Amino acid sequence: MRKVLAAAAFAGSIAVTGLAVAPAAQAATATATQASSSMGNWGKYYSSNNKAYTYGKTYKSGKKVYTRWYGKEYSPKYGYVWFKYYSGGKWHKFYRQWNGSYNETWSGKGISKIYTYTCWGGKNKYCGSVHRIY
């Protein structure tokens, strides 16, 4: 009888361990998927009040990294997109302002990381979350 109970307890502990490992493995897979999909198309990334959004495409050609972005907002105020990138051992940050619909392409050499977020109504107002796009 003791052997049967010990076997059942062992099988139960394996089942619990298997269930505990499954979410961790699933989370690791989801993170890897998100990181690998960052090069290419990205967005729609909204301001915190959902009145402006940006989307675009980031790609590498030769030694340059290009980012083509599009901004939309429908109000008398402006939308703002921020880009923060790592190049030459330093972080660089800039923003672009637009009204209505707008698009632009920018590029740089030696860029290894790019982050972006969208604001509305002021360059630091109603900002959405930060997203890594490259």
Protein backbone atom coordinates (compact mmCIF):
# COMPACT_ATOMS: atom_id res chain seq x y z
CA MET A 1 0.00 0.00 0.00
CA ARG A 2 2.83 2.38 0.86
CA LYS A 3 4.42 1.76 -2.54
CA VAL A 4 1.17 2.61 -4.30
CA LEU A 5 0.80 5.86 -2.32
CA ALA A 6 4.45 6.76 -2.94
CA ALA A 7 4.02 6.11 -6.67
CA ALA A 8 0.86 8.24 -6.76
CA ALA A 9 2.58 11.08 -4.88
CA PHE A 10 5.56 10.90 -7.26
CA ALA A 11 3.29 10.97 -10.32
CA GLY A 12 1.39 13.93 -8.86
CA SER A 13 4.59 15.86 -8.21
CA ILE A 14 5.70 15.26 -11.82
CA ALA A 15 2.34 16.50 -13.09
CA VAL A 16 2.55 19.66 -10.95
CA THR A 17 6.13 20.27 -12.07
CA GLY A 18 5.11 19.81 -15.69
CA LEU A 19 2.30 22.32 -15.29
CA ALA A 20 4.62 24.81 -13.61
CA VAL A 21 7.20 24.55 -16.37
CA ALA A 22 4.66 24.90 -19.21
CA PRO A 23 3.75 28.59 -18.54
CA ALA A 24 7.43 29.53 -18.22
CA ALA A 25 8.21 27.84 -21.54
CA GLN A 26 5.21 29.52 -23.13
CA ALA A 27 6.31 32.94 -21.85
CA ALA A 28 9.82 32.40 -23.19
CA THR A 29 8.40 31.50 -26.60
CA ALA A 30 6.16 34.58 -26.63
CA THR A 31 9.10 36.85 -25.71
CA ALA A 32 11.26 35.34 -28.44
CA THR A 33 8.46 35.83 -30.96
CA GLN A 34 8.02 39.47 -29.99
CA ALA A 35 11.74 40.18 -30.26
CA SER A 36 12.11 38.46 -33.62
CA SER A 37 9.13 40.28 -35.10
CA SER A 38 10.47 43.71 -34.15
CA MET A 39 12.35 44.15 -37.44
CA GLY A 40 9.93 44.90 -40.22
CA ASN A 41 6.43 46.27 -39.77
CA TRP A 42 5.46 47.72 -36.40
CA GLY A 43 2.53 49.54 -34.77
CA LYS A 44 -0.18 50.81 -34.40
CA TYR A 45 1.20 52.43 -31.23
CA TYR A 46 -1.32 54.78 -29.63
CA SER A 47 -1.00 57.79 -27.34
CA SER A 48 -2.36 57.18 -23.85
CA ASN A 49 -5.71 58.80 -24.74
CA ASN A 50 -5.95 57.01 -28.14
CA LYS A 51 -6.18 60.29 -30.08
CA ALA A 52 -2.98 59.70 -32.08
CA TYR A 53 -1.15 56.65 -33.34
CA THR A 54 1.94 55.73 -35.32
CA TYR A 55 2.96 52.70 -37.32
CA GLY A 56 5.72 51.93 -39.76
CA LYS A 57 8.52 49.74 -40.97
CA THR A 58 12.14 49.37 -39.85
CA TYR A 59 14.73 47.59 -41.95
CA LYS A 60 18.48 47.38 -42.51
CA SER A 61 20.13 47.94 -45.87
CA GLY A 62 23.90 47.77 -45.96
CA LYS A 63 25.23 49.51 -42.85
CA LYS A 64 22.21 51.78 -42.45
CA VAL A 65 18.99 51.17 -40.53
CA TYR A 66 15.91 52.86 -42.02
CA THR A 67 12.66 53.69 -40.26
CA ARG A 68 9.63 54.74 -42.30
CA TRP A 69 6.80 55.89 -40.04
CA TYR A 70 3.26 57.14 -40.47
CA GLY A 71 1.31 59.26 -37.98
CA LYS A 72 -2.42 59.85 -37.70
CA GLU A 73 -4.43 62.12 -35.43
CA TYR A 74 -7.82 63.75 -35.88
CA SER A 75 -8.07 66.93 -33.82
CA PRO A 76 -6.93 70.56 -33.78
CA LYS A 77 -3.88 69.53 -31.70
CA TYR A 78 -0.68 67.81 -32.79
CA GLY A 79 0.61 64.27 -32.56
CA TYR A 80 4.21 63.54 -31.58
CA VAL A 81 6.36 60.50 -32.20
CA TRP A 82 9.57 59.95 -30.23
CA PHE A 83 12.49 57.80 -31.33
CA LYS A 84 15.31 56.74 -29.04
CA TYR A 85 18.19 54.82 -30.60
CA TYR A 86 21.59 53.46 -29.61
CA SER A 87 24.48 54.22 -31.97
CA GLY A 88 28.19 54.88 -31.53
CA GLY A 89 28.14 53.90 -27.86
CA LYS A 90 25.55 56.57 -26.99
CA TRP A 91 21.79 56.99 -26.78
CA HIS A 92 20.17 59.59 -29.04
CA LYS A 93 16.59 60.85 -28.82
CA PHE A 94 14.42 63.03 -31.06
CA TYR A 95 10.76 63.66 -31.85
CA ARG A 96 8.65 64.70 -34.79
CA GLN A 97 5.40 66.69 -34.63
CA TRP A 98 2.54 66.36 -37.09
CA ASN A 99 -1.05 67.40 -37.61
CA GLY A 100 -3.59 65.19 -39.42
CA SER A 101 -1.71 62.53 -41.40
CA TYR A 102 2.03 62.48 -41.92
CA ASN A 103 4.86 60.16 -42.93
CA GLU A 104 8.62 60.40 -42.96
CA THR A 105 11.73 58.23 -43.32
CA TRP A 106 14.89 58.59 -41.28
CA SER A 107 18.05 56.51 -41.14
CA GLY A 108 21.37 56.14 -39.37
CA LYS A 109 24.56 54.10 -39.46
CA GLY A 110 25.58 51.72 -36.69
CA ILE A 111 22.19 51.66 -34.98
CA SER A 112 21.72 48.61 -32.79
CA LYS A 113 18.46 49.43 -30.94
CA ILE A 114 15.46 51.68 -31.63
CA TYR A 115 12.55 52.45 -29.32
CA THR A 116 9.47 54.54 -30.08
CA TYR A 117 6.37 55.96 -28.42
CA THR A 118 3.52 58.27 -29.41
CA CYS A 119 2.19 61.37 -27.64
CA TRP A 120 -0.71 63.75 -28.32
CA GLY A 121 -1.43 67.39 -27.43
CA GLY A 122 2.17 68.18 -26.44
CA LYS A 123 5.53 66.54 -26.88
CA ASN A 124 5.35 65.06 -23.36
CA LYS A 125 1.56 64.86 -22.89
CA TYR A 126 -0.65 61.78 -23.14
CA CYS A 127 2.28 59.55 -24.07
CA GLY A 128 1.71 55.89 -24.79
CA SER A 129 3.93 52.99 -23.86
CA VAL A 130 7.46 52.50 -25.20
CA HIS A 131 8.04 49.82 -27.85
CA ARG A 132 11.25 48.39 -29.23
CA ILE A 133 11.09 48.39 -33.03
CA TYR A 134 14.68 47.32 -33.82
